[in-house]
Amino acid sequence: MVRDDPKGSPVGEALVWVSRITAIGLTMFLPGVGGGWLDDRLGTRFLGPSGFVLGFLLGMAAIVGLRGRAQGRRG
């Protein structure tokens, strides 16, 4: 069924937001996990925490970019 609504279906809109949130969450989490794995392999102790900080910064940048795109679409 094709709708004339330019926004699309509510389920489709929800799935778009779920995918965005999941991608940002993984962006924040996976660098720390990878850093922890490297810490185990290399015998270091700084890559895990550094990965979580990097992931947090990348996630915040993604959120800010998402906010900017949403504002640009409205105005």
N, C-alpha and C. Protein backbone atom coordinates (compact mmCIF):
# COMPACT_ATOMS: atom_id res chain seq x y z
N MET A 1 0.84 -1.17 0.00
CA MET A 1 0.00 0.00 0.00
C MET A 1 0.90 1.24 0.00
N VAL A 2 0.65 2.16 -0.89
CA VAL A 2 1.41 3.40 -1.01
C VAL A 2 0.57 4.53 -0.43
N ARG A 3 1.19 5.33 0.41
CA ARG A 3 0.47 6.46 1.01
C ARG A 3 0.93 7.76 0.37
N ASP A 4 0.05 8.75 0.41
CA ASP A 4 0.40 10.06 -0.11
C ASP A 4 1.07 10.94 0.94
N ASP A 5 1.16 10.44 2.18
CA ASP A 5 1.75 11.19 3.28
C ASP A 5 3.26 11.34 3.05
N PRO A 6 3.79 12.56 2.99
CA PRO A 6 5.22 12.74 2.72
C PRO A 6 6.11 12.25 3.86
N LYS A 7 5.58 12.18 5.06
CA LYS A 7 6.39 11.73 6.19
C LYS A 7 6.61 10.22 6.18
N GLY A 8 5.75 9.47 5.55
CA GLY A 8 5.86 8.02 5.56
C GLY A 8 5.04 7.43 6.70
N SER A 9 5.15 6.14 6.84
CA SER A 9 4.36 5.48 7.87
C SER A 9 4.99 5.68 9.24
N PRO A 10 4.19 5.63 10.29
CA PRO A 10 4.74 5.76 11.64
C PRO A 10 5.72 4.64 11.98
N VAL A 11 5.45 3.44 11.50
CA VAL A 11 6.35 2.32 11.77
C VAL A 11 7.69 2.54 11.05
N GLY A 12 7.63 3.01 9.82
CA GLY A 12 8.86 3.31 9.09
C GLY A 12 9.68 4.40 9.78
N GLU A 13 9.00 5.43 10.25
CA GLU A 13 9.68 6.51 10.98
C GLU A 13 10.32 5.98 12.26
N ALA A 14 9.61 5.09 12.97
CA ALA A 14 10.15 4.51 14.20
C ALA A 14 11.38 3.66 13.91
N LEU A 15 11.33 2.90 12.83
CA LEU A 15 12.48 2.06 12.47
C LEU A 15 13.70 2.90 12.10
N VAL A 16 13.47 4.04 11.46
CA VAL A 16 14.58 4.94 11.15
C VAL A 16 15.24 5.42 12.43
N TRP A 17 14.43 5.81 13.42
CA TRP A 17 14.98 6.30 14.69
C TRP A 17 15.65 5.18 15.48
N VAL A 18 15.11 3.99 15.44
CA VAL A 18 15.75 2.86 16.12
C VAL A 18 17.12 2.59 15.51
N SER A 19 17.22 2.64 14.21
CA SER A 19 18.51 2.39 13.57
C SER A 19 19.51 3.50 13.89
N ARG A 20 19.05 4.73 13.94
CA ARG A 20 19.95 5.84 14.30
C ARG A 20 20.47 5.69 15.73
N ILE A 21 19.57 5.39 16.66
CA ILE A 21 19.96 5.24 18.06
C ILE A 21 20.91 4.07 18.23
N THR A 22 20.64 2.96 17.55
CA THR A 22 21.50 1.79 17.64
C THR A 22 22.89 2.11 17.09
N ALA A 23 22.95 2.80 15.97
CA ALA A 23 24.24 3.15 15.37
C ALA A 23 25.05 4.06 16.29
N ILE A 24 24.39 5.03 16.90
CA ILE A 24 25.10 5.93 17.81
C ILE A 24 25.56 5.18 19.06
N GLY A 25 24.72 4.30 19.58
CA GLY A 25 25.10 3.50 20.74
C GLY A 25 26.31 2.62 20.46
N LEU A 26 26.32 1.98 19.31
CA LEU A 26 27.46 1.15 18.95
C LEU A 26 28.71 1.99 18.71
N THR A 27 28.53 3.18 18.15
CA THR A 27 29.66 4.08 17.95
C THR A 27 30.28 4.47 19.28
N MET A 28 29.46 4.60 20.31
CA MET A 28 29.98 4.97 21.62
C MET A 28 30.60 3.78 22.35
N PHE A 29 30.11 2.59 22.12
CA PHE A 29 30.51 1.43 22.90
C PHE A 29 31.66 0.63 22.31
N LEU A 30 31.65 0.41 21.01
CA LEU A 30 32.61 -0.48 20.39
C LEU A 30 34.08 -0.03 20.46
N PRO A 31 34.40 1.27 20.38
CA PRO A 31 35.82 1.63 20.52
C PRO A 31 36.39 1.24 21.89
N GLY A 32 35.60 1.34 22.93
CA GLY A 32 36.07 0.92 24.26
C GLY A 32 36.27 -0.57 24.35
N VAL A 33 35.37 -1.33 23.76
CA VAL A 33 35.51 -2.79 23.77
C VAL A 33 36.75 -3.20 22.96
N GLY A 34 36.92 -2.56 21.81
CA GLY A 34 38.11 -2.84 21.01
C GLY A 34 39.39 -2.45 21.73
N GLY A 35 39.35 -1.33 22.43
CA GLY A 35 40.52 -0.92 23.20
C GLY A 35 40.81 -1.87 24.34
N GLY A 36 39.77 -2.37 24.99
CA GLY A 36 39.96 -3.37 26.06
C GLY A 36 40.55 -4.65 25.51
N TRP A 37 40.10 -5.06 24.33
CA TRP A 37 40.64 -6.26 23.70
C TRP A 37 42.13 -6.05 23.37
N LEU A 38 42.44 -4.87 22.83
CA LEU A 38 43.85 -4.57 22.55
C LEU A 38 44.69 -4.50 23.82
N ASP A 39 44.10 -3.97 24.89
CA ASP A 39 44.82 -3.94 26.17
C ASP A 39 45.18 -5.36 26.61
N ASP A 40 44.26 -6.29 26.47
CA ASP A 40 44.55 -7.69 26.83
C ASP A 40 45.65 -8.28 25.96
N ARG A 41 45.60 -7.97 24.68
CA ARG A 41 46.59 -8.53 23.74
C ARG A 41 47.98 -7.92 23.94
N LEU A 42 48.01 -6.62 24.18
CA LEU A 42 49.30 -5.90 24.24
C LEU A 42 49.84 -5.72 25.65
N GLY A 43 49.03 -6.03 26.66
CA GLY A 43 49.47 -5.86 28.05
C GLY A 43 49.48 -4.42 28.50
N THR A 44 48.66 -3.58 27.89
CA THR A 44 48.58 -2.18 28.29
C THR A 44 47.32 -1.95 29.12
N ARG A 45 47.15 -0.72 29.61
CA ARG A 45 45.98 -0.43 30.43
C ARG A 45 45.27 0.86 30.03
N PHE A 46 45.67 1.47 28.95
CA PHE A 46 45.11 2.78 28.60
C PHE A 46 44.21 2.77 27.37
N LEU A 47 44.27 1.73 26.56
CA LEU A 47 43.52 1.72 25.31
C LEU A 47 42.01 1.56 25.52
N GLY A 48 41.61 0.77 26.51
CA GLY A 48 40.19 0.60 26.80
C GLY A 48 39.54 1.91 27.21
N PRO A 49 40.06 2.56 28.27
CA PRO A 49 39.48 3.85 28.66
C PRO A 49 39.57 4.90 27.56
N SER A 50 40.69 4.90 26.83
CA SER A 50 40.81 5.85 25.71
C SER A 50 39.77 5.57 24.64
N GLY A 51 39.49 4.31 24.40
CA GLY A 51 38.47 3.95 23.42
C GLY A 51 37.08 4.41 23.85
N PHE A 52 36.78 4.29 25.15
CA PHE A 52 35.48 4.76 25.62
C PHE A 52 35.36 6.28 25.52
N VAL A 53 36.44 6.99 25.80
CA VAL A 53 36.42 8.45 25.65
C VAL A 53 36.25 8.81 24.18
N LEU A 54 36.99 8.16 23.31
CA LEU A 54 36.86 8.42 21.87
C LEU A 54 35.45 8.09 21.39
N GLY A 55 34.91 6.97 21.84
CA GLY A 55 33.56 6.59 21.45
C GLY A 55 32.53 7.59 21.93
N PHE A 56 32.71 8.08 23.15
CA PHE A 56 31.79 9.09 23.67
C PHE A 56 31.84 10.35 22.82
N LEU A 57 33.04 10.79 22.47
CA LEU A 57 33.17 12.00 21.65
C LEU A 57 32.58 11.80 20.25
N LEU A 58 32.82 10.64 19.66
CA LEU A 58 32.24 10.35 18.34
C LEU A 58 30.72 10.28 18.41
N GLY A 59 30.20 9.67 19.47
CA GLY A 59 28.76 9.60 19.64
C GLY A 59 28.13 10.97 19.82
N MET A 60 28.78 11.82 20.60
CA MET A 60 28.26 13.18 20.77
C MET A 60 28.30 13.96 19.46
N ALA A 61 29.35 13.76 18.69
CA ALA A 61 29.43 14.43 17.38
C ALA A 61 28.30 13.94 16.47
N ALA A 62 27.98 12.65 16.53
CA ALA A 62 26.88 12.12 15.72
C ALA A 62 25.55 12.70 16.16
N ILE A 63 25.36 12.85 17.47
CA ILE A 63 24.11 13.43 17.98
C ILE A 63 23.99 14.89 17.56
N VAL A 64 25.08 15.64 17.65
CA VAL A 64 25.06 17.04 17.23
C VAL A 64 24.77 17.14 15.74
N GLY A 65 25.37 16.25 14.94
CA GLY A 65 25.10 16.25 13.51
C GLY A 65 23.65 15.91 13.20
N LEU A 66 23.10 14.98 13.95
CA LEU A 66 21.69 14.61 13.78
C LEU A 66 20.79 15.79 14.12
N ARG A 67 21.15 16.48 15.16
CA ARG A 67 20.36 17.67 15.58
C ARG A 67 20.44 18.75 14.51
N GLY A 68 21.62 18.96 13.95
CA GLY A 68 21.79 19.97 12.90
C GLY A 68 20.99 19.65 11.66
N ARG A 69 20.97 18.36 11.28
CA ARG A 69 20.17 17.96 10.11
C ARG A 69 18.68 18.14 10.37
N ALA A 70 18.25 17.84 11.60
CA ALA A 70 16.83 17.98 11.94
C ALA A 70 16.42 19.45 11.92
N GLN A 71 17.28 20.34 12.41
CA GLN A 71 16.97 21.77 12.39
C GLN A 71 16.99 22.31 10.97
N GLY A 72 17.90 21.84 10.16
CA GLY A 72 17.99 22.29 8.77
C GLY A 72 16.77 21.89 7.97
N ARG A 73 16.18 20.77 8.30
CA ARG A 73 15.00 20.29 7.59
C ARG A 73 13.77 21.11 7.96
N ARG A 74 13.72 21.60 9.21
CA ARG A 74 12.57 22.39 9.65
C ARG A 74 12.59 23.81 9.13
N GLY A 75 13.79 24.42 9.15
CA GLY A 75 13.86 25.85 8.86
C GLY A 75 14.29 26.11 7.50
